[in-house]
Structures are given as C-alpha cells and as structure tokens.
Amino acid sequence: MKGAIFTGFSEYVEKEFGLSTWLKTIDSCQLASNGEYLATELYEDSEFAILVDALVSRVGGSREEVYRGFGQYFFPFLMSMVIKSVEGITHLFDFLKAVDSVIHIEVRKSDALAYTPTLLYDQPQDNVLIIRYLSHRKMCHFAEGLILGAAQHYNQKVKLSQSKCLCKGDKHCLIRVEIQQ
C-alpha cells in the first residue's frame, strides 16, 4: 500500500483525535516501519489494518467508522491528484463511474506497482448507482468515505448502504449510492 495512505491517515488521526492519540496508537503497535512513512514508498497492507484496529481500541467506535471517516477526509487529497482527468465532470455518478474507467487507469500508468480495486456499476434508477467493489484489501468502508467526500465535492446529498460485503464473507461488496432529493 502506498505510503501516501499512511501519511494521510496520520494527518486524519491528528486532526480528529490529536497528535498524542496518533503517537500512542503507533507506540501500541508492532510495526515493520516503526510508524515512519514516506508518501512514495510501499508498505504492507496488514500494517494499515493494525493501525486502524489500534486506533479503534484507543478511541472507540468501529473499524467501519474509522475507514469511512478517513476516506471522507482523504478525498480532497486524492481529487487534487486527478482533477485534470475529471475536470469536465459535474455530476457525482459520472465521477464515480470515471473512477474505474479513467482514474484507476491513470494511476496504473503512473505507477506500475499500484493496486486499485475493481469497480463495476449498475444504475437501476436515475438517483441510484450500485457499485460492485472487488479487492483483496477489503477497504469498502474507505471507499464509502471517498464516495461521501465526492458527494460533498459535487454538492449532492447521498445515502449509502451495502447489501453484500467482503468483510462479512461475501465474494464482493455491493455499495448502493442513492442521491437524496
């Protein structure tokens, strides 16, 4: 996993819970990196899960809430990296569909080692988009947070739900995004 995720997570924890919480979280973990991250380096996926679990133990809540909160926080950073690729997009669903067909392709072009989830889409109604999320990382709740961040960016209120989830043993996640009127 890219170090940018780790550095972004440290910033999120510091902003939401304070620097001392971040430092105590790192100190409570056995990490190969010793909690020292460079945005351009790669780190084990398992190290991120260890940090999330340690934070949840420290501050309460759930893994899902932490992943979702971090995703929402991290969206503007990711958007700043891809803004040129999506500058003509004005609707949330058009943006979400461009994630797999435009953004992930550009990410893999710029970094051959990048791993991105597979996203498949179905739009059964004008105000409903169903995203099938496939990833060995099982970070669907982080994806939900990114969707919430995108909804804020496009000034659209949404309701999210999952009928299937990798974290619950399903083969994929089904994330339902409904634009609220």
Foldseek 3Di string as FASTA:
>chain_A
DFLLLLVLLQVLCCVPPNNVLSVVLLVVDDAPVSSDTDRGDDGDLVRVVSSLVSSCVVPNDDSLVSLLSSLLSCLVVLCVVCCVQCVVDQDLVVVVVCCQVPVVVVVCVVPVPDDDWDWDWDDPDPFKIKIKTADPSQSVSNVNNNSVNSCVVNVWDWDWDWPDGVVVPDRTIIIMIGTDD
